[in-house]
Amino acid sequence: GAGMDEILLTEINAGVATVTLNRPRQMNALTADCAAASGRRSRRSAPTTPWPP
């Protein structure tokens, strides 16, 4: 849903993507919308080359 990008923080460092759930008021509870957004974010952050090289 709308606004999911603000509650999912992504950092990529040395080829490793870290997605952090940022919902402190809800004690970082994972909802179905958050899980779906996390999956979409993971696919967008996935490498474009197969592993292992």
N, C-alpha and C. Protein backbone atom coordinates (compact mmCIF):
# COMPACT_ATOMS: atom_id res chain seq x y z
N GLY A 1 0.81 -1.19 0.00
CA GLY A 1 0.00 0.00 0.00
C GLY A 1 0.85 1.25 0.00
N ALA A 2 0.20 2.38 -0.10
CA ALA A 2 0.89 3.67 -0.08
C ALA A 2 1.57 3.87 1.26
N GLY A 3 2.73 4.45 1.22
CA GLY A 3 3.45 4.74 2.44
C GLY A 3 4.37 3.63 2.91
N MET A 4 4.37 2.50 2.25
CA MET A 4 5.21 1.39 2.68
C MET A 4 6.70 1.72 2.58
N ASP A 5 7.08 2.54 1.60
CA ASP A 5 8.50 2.85 1.44
C ASP A 5 9.06 3.59 2.65
N GLU A 6 8.23 4.36 3.35
CA GLU A 6 8.71 5.09 4.50
C GLU A 6 8.96 4.18 5.70
N ILE A 7 8.24 3.06 5.77
CA ILE A 7 8.42 2.18 6.92
C ILE A 7 9.40 1.05 6.64
N LEU A 8 9.85 0.94 5.40
CA LEU A 8 10.88 -0.02 5.05
C LEU A 8 12.13 0.75 4.65
N LEU A 9 13.16 0.66 5.44
CA LEU A 9 14.41 1.35 5.16
C LEU A 9 15.38 0.36 4.55
N THR A 10 16.01 0.74 3.45
CA THR A 10 16.92 -0.16 2.75
C THR A 10 18.31 0.45 2.70
N GLU A 11 19.30 -0.37 2.99
CA GLU A 11 20.70 0.03 2.88
C GLU A 11 21.42 -1.08 2.13
N ILE A 12 22.24 -0.71 1.15
CA ILE A 12 23.04 -1.68 0.42
C ILE A 12 24.50 -1.36 0.67
N ASN A 13 25.23 -2.34 1.20
CA ASN A 13 26.62 -2.16 1.56
C ASN A 13 27.39 -3.40 1.12
N ALA A 14 28.37 -3.21 0.26
CA ALA A 14 29.21 -4.31 -0.24
C ALA A 14 28.36 -5.41 -0.86
N GLY A 15 27.30 -5.02 -1.57
CA GLY A 15 26.47 -6.00 -2.25
C GLY A 15 25.44 -6.69 -1.37
N VAL A 16 25.34 -6.28 -0.11
CA VAL A 16 24.38 -6.88 0.81
C VAL A 16 23.29 -5.86 1.11
N ALA A 17 22.04 -6.22 0.83
CA ALA A 17 20.91 -5.33 1.11
C ALA A 17 20.34 -5.66 2.48
N THR A 18 20.18 -4.61 3.30
CA THR A 18 19.54 -4.75 4.60
C THR A 18 18.25 -3.96 4.58
N VAL A 19 17.13 -4.63 4.81
CA VAL A 19 15.83 -3.97 4.87
C VAL A 19 15.40 -3.96 6.32
N THR A 20 15.14 -2.76 6.85
CA THR A 20 14.77 -2.59 8.25
C THR A 20 13.33 -2.11 8.34
N LEU A 21 12.55 -2.75 9.18
CA LEU A 21 11.18 -2.33 9.43
C LEU A 21 11.21 -1.16 10.40
N ASN A 22 10.60 -0.04 10.02
CA ASN A 22 10.65 1.18 10.81
C ASN A 22 9.24 1.57 11.25
N ARG A 23 8.71 0.85 12.24
CA ARG A 23 7.37 1.12 12.78
C ARG A 23 7.42 1.14 14.30
N PRO A 24 8.17 2.05 14.90
CA PRO A 24 8.33 2.02 16.36
C PRO A 24 7.03 2.17 17.14
N ARG A 25 6.08 2.95 16.65
CA ARG A 25 4.81 3.13 17.37
C ARG A 25 4.01 1.83 17.44
N GLN A 26 4.21 0.96 16.43
CA GLN A 26 3.51 -0.33 16.40
C GLN A 26 4.43 -1.45 16.88
N MET A 27 5.52 -1.07 17.54
CA MET A 27 6.52 -2.03 18.04
C MET A 27 7.03 -2.93 16.91
N ASN A 28 7.14 -2.35 15.70
CA ASN A 28 7.63 -3.04 14.51
C ASN A 28 6.84 -4.29 14.17
N ALA A 29 5.53 -4.25 14.46
CA ALA A 29 4.66 -5.37 14.11
C ALA A 29 4.62 -5.52 12.59
N LEU A 30 4.69 -6.76 12.14
CA LEU A 30 4.68 -7.06 10.71
C LEU A 30 3.24 -7.35 10.28
N THR A 31 2.73 -6.54 9.35
CA THR A 31 1.39 -6.75 8.81
C THR A 31 1.52 -7.40 7.43
N ALA A 32 0.40 -7.83 6.88
CA ALA A 32 0.41 -8.42 5.54
C ALA A 32 0.93 -7.41 4.52
N ASP A 33 0.53 -6.14 4.65
CA ASP A 33 1.01 -5.10 3.73
C ASP A 33 2.52 -4.91 3.85
N CYS A 34 3.03 -4.93 5.08
CA CYS A 34 4.47 -4.78 5.29
C CYS A 34 5.22 -5.96 4.68
N ALA A 35 4.70 -7.16 4.86
CA ALA A 35 5.35 -8.34 4.31
C ALA A 35 5.38 -8.29 2.79
N ALA A 36 4.28 -7.87 2.18
CA ALA A 36 4.23 -7.76 0.72
C ALA A 36 5.20 -6.70 0.23
N ALA A 37 5.26 -5.57 0.91
CA ALA A 37 6.18 -4.50 0.52
C ALA A 37 7.62 -4.96 0.68
N SER A 38 7.89 -5.73 1.72
CA SER A 38 9.24 -6.25 1.94
C SER A 38 9.64 -7.17 0.79
N GLY A 39 8.73 -8.01 0.34
CA GLY A 39 9.02 -8.89 -0.80
C GLY A 39 9.30 -8.10 -2.06
N ARG A 40 8.50 -7.07 -2.30
CA ARG A 40 8.75 -6.23 -3.49
C ARG A 40 10.10 -5.54 -3.38
N ARG A 41 10.42 -5.03 -2.20
CA ARG A 41 11.69 -4.34 -1.98
C ARG A 41 12.85 -5.31 -2.19
N SER A 42 12.70 -6.54 -1.72
CA SER A 42 13.76 -7.54 -1.87
C SER A 42 14.02 -7.84 -3.34
N ARG A 43 12.94 -7.98 -4.10
CA ARG A 43 13.12 -8.26 -5.54
C ARG A 43 13.79 -7.10 -6.25
N ARG A 44 13.45 -5.86 -5.87
CA ARG A 44 14.09 -4.69 -6.50
C ARG A 44 15.55 -4.59 -6.12
N SER A 45 15.92 -5.07 -4.94
CA SER A 45 17.30 -4.98 -4.46
C SER A 45 18.15 -6.16 -4.89
N ALA A 46 17.52 -7.16 -5.49
CA ALA A 46 18.24 -8.38 -5.86
C ALA A 46 19.31 -8.08 -6.90
N PRO A 47 20.41 -8.83 -6.86
CA PRO A 47 21.48 -8.61 -7.85
C PRO A 47 21.00 -8.99 -9.24
N THR A 48 21.62 -8.38 -10.22
CA THR A 48 21.26 -8.68 -11.61
C THR A 48 22.15 -9.77 -12.18
N THR A 49 23.15 -10.20 -11.44
CA THR A 49 24.02 -11.29 -11.89
C THR A 49 23.77 -12.51 -11.01
N PRO A 50 23.85 -13.70 -11.58
CA PRO A 50 23.60 -14.91 -10.78
C PRO A 50 24.69 -15.13 -9.74
N TRP A 51 24.34 -15.80 -8.67
CA TRP A 51 25.29 -16.14 -7.61
C TRP A 51 25.40 -17.64 -7.55
N PRO A 52 26.54 -18.23 -7.43
CA PRO A 52 27.86 -17.59 -7.42
C PRO A 52 28.28 -17.15 -8.81
N PRO A 53 29.23 -16.21 -8.85
CA PRO A 53 29.67 -15.68 -10.16
C PRO A 53 30.36 -16.73 -11.00
